Amino acid sequence: MLFIKARRNSLLAFDYTVSLSAAESSDYYGAAELITLMKAKRPDESFRFSVEDGKIESFLAERGLRLVKHYDPAQIMNTFLLAEDGKPIGRPNGLFRLTVAAPSPSS
């Protein structure tokens, strides 16, 4: 991720993938299939960066940012992928996370 200099009251929203090895891919819904598809169909397109699962706060802090909101796959589904009747309309890939961050007060 590139260094970002942001104003104090700015927000930065981004998605990222969790870091994992091929051996761990079966631990995350859809991960093995996505990795296989990316290698076969998009060999020159890799993920820009990944973050170890559960380490987003330290990742952001190292870059002068603080966590405002974080969505794991279950939260993504329950926040963004529900039909009017409250039932899920899809299931997100287990690798992806959504994050909202802001500059740390000390930045």
Protein backbone atom coordinates (compact mmCIF):
# COMPACT_ATOMS: atom_id res chain seq x y z
CA MET A 1 0.00 0.00 0.00
CA LEU A 2 1.31 3.41 -0.87
CA PHE A 3 1.94 5.97 1.84
CA ILE A 4 -1.06 8.23 2.14
CA LYS A 5 -0.94 11.69 3.67
CA ALA A 6 -4.47 12.59 4.70
CA ARG A 7 -6.12 15.47 6.48
CA ARG A 8 -7.07 14.89 10.08
CA ASN A 9 -10.81 14.34 9.44
CA SER A 10 -10.37 12.26 6.27
CA LEU A 11 -11.54 8.68 5.90
CA LEU A 12 -9.92 6.01 3.79
CA ALA A 13 -11.98 2.99 2.75
CA PHE A 14 -10.36 -0.03 1.12
CA ASP A 15 -10.60 -3.76 0.74
CA TYR A 16 -7.81 -6.23 1.31
CA THR A 17 -7.18 -9.93 1.41
CA VAL A 18 -5.84 -11.92 4.32
CA SER A 19 -2.38 -13.42 3.93
CA LEU A 20 -2.36 -17.16 3.50
CA SER A 21 -0.52 -20.02 1.92
CA ALA A 22 -2.03 -22.44 -0.56
CA ALA A 23 -2.15 -24.98 2.28
CA GLU A 24 -4.38 -22.66 4.32
CA SER A 25 -6.72 -21.78 1.45
CA SER A 26 -9.26 -24.43 2.40
CA ASP A 27 -9.79 -22.63 5.72
CA TYR A 28 -11.50 -19.70 3.95
CA TYR A 29 -14.71 -19.96 1.93
CA GLY A 30 -13.98 -19.79 -1.81
CA ALA A 31 -10.27 -19.06 -1.36
CA ALA A 32 -8.90 -22.16 -3.09
CA GLU A 33 -11.17 -21.58 -6.08
CA LEU A 34 -10.22 -17.92 -6.33
CA ILE A 35 -6.49 -18.69 -6.17
CA THR A 36 -6.85 -21.33 -8.89
CA LEU A 37 -8.91 -18.97 -11.07
CA MET A 38 -6.45 -16.09 -10.65
CA LYS A 39 -3.50 -18.30 -11.62
CA ALA A 40 -5.30 -19.66 -14.68
CA LYS A 41 -7.11 -16.58 -15.98
CA ARG A 42 -5.10 -13.65 -14.65
CA PRO A 43 -1.51 -14.79 -14.09
CA ASP A 44 -0.16 -11.21 -14.35
CA GLU A 45 -2.73 -9.76 -11.94
CA SER A 46 -1.83 -10.32 -8.32
CA PHE A 47 -3.22 -8.82 -5.16
CA ARG A 48 -1.37 -5.60 -4.31
CA PHE A 49 -0.99 -6.47 -0.65
CA SER A 50 -2.42 -8.67 2.05
CA VAL A 51 -2.62 -8.45 5.81
CA GLU A 52 -2.40 -11.28 8.31
CA ASP A 53 -5.83 -12.15 9.65
CA GLY A 54 -6.47 -10.17 12.83
CA LYS A 55 -3.54 -7.77 12.28
CA ILE A 56 -5.25 -4.86 10.51
CA GLU A 57 -4.97 -2.48 13.48
CA SER A 58 -1.18 -2.85 13.70
CA PHE A 59 -0.92 -2.65 9.89
CA LEU A 60 -2.75 0.68 9.96
CA ALA A 61 -0.88 2.01 13.01
CA GLU A 62 2.46 1.44 11.24
CA ARG A 63 1.15 3.79 8.53
CA GLY A 64 -0.15 6.51 10.85
CA LEU A 65 -3.77 5.39 10.59
CA ARG A 66 -6.35 4.11 13.03
CA LEU A 67 -9.18 1.66 12.46
CA VAL A 68 -12.66 3.21 12.26
CA LYS A 69 -14.64 0.21 10.97
CA HIS A 70 -13.78 -3.29 9.87
CA TYR A 71 -15.92 -5.91 8.12
CA ASP A 72 -15.05 -9.59 7.99
CA PRO A 73 -16.94 -11.86 5.52
CA ALA A 74 -19.84 -12.50 7.92
CA GLN A 75 -20.19 -8.77 8.62
CA ILE A 76 -20.00 -7.97 4.90
CA MET A 77 -22.80 -10.44 4.25
CA ASN A 78 -24.98 -9.23 7.13
CA THR A 79 -24.42 -5.54 6.33
CA PHE A 80 -24.38 -5.40 2.54
CA LEU A 81 -25.76 -8.66 1.16
CA LEU A 82 -29.21 -9.08 2.68
CA ALA A 83 -32.47 -9.08 0.73
CA GLU A 84 -35.51 -7.21 1.99
CA ASP A 85 -36.65 -10.37 3.78
CA GLY A 86 -33.36 -10.45 5.72
CA LYS A 87 -31.97 -13.50 3.92
CA PRO A 88 -28.47 -13.38 2.41
CA ILE A 89 -28.34 -12.85 -1.36
CA GLY A 90 -24.76 -14.09 -1.56
CA ARG A 91 -21.73 -15.09 0.41
CA PRO A 92 -18.49 -13.12 0.12
CA ASN A 93 -15.17 -14.83 -0.47
CA GLY A 94 -13.51 -15.65 2.84
CA LEU A 95 -10.29 -13.87 1.89
CA PHE A 96 -11.74 -10.37 1.59
CA ARG A 97 -12.13 -7.74 4.27
CA LEU A 98 -13.40 -4.16 4.11
CA THR A 99 -11.87 -1.42 6.23
CA VAL A 100 -12.43 2.23 6.99
CA ALA A 101 -9.47 4.05 8.49
CA ALA A 102 -8.60 7.61 9.53
CA PRO A 103 -5.37 9.41 10.34
CA SER A 104 -4.18 8.80 13.88
CA PRO A 105 -4.54 11.84 16.15
CA SER A 106 -0.76 11.96 16.52
CA SER A 107 -0.20 11.99 12.72
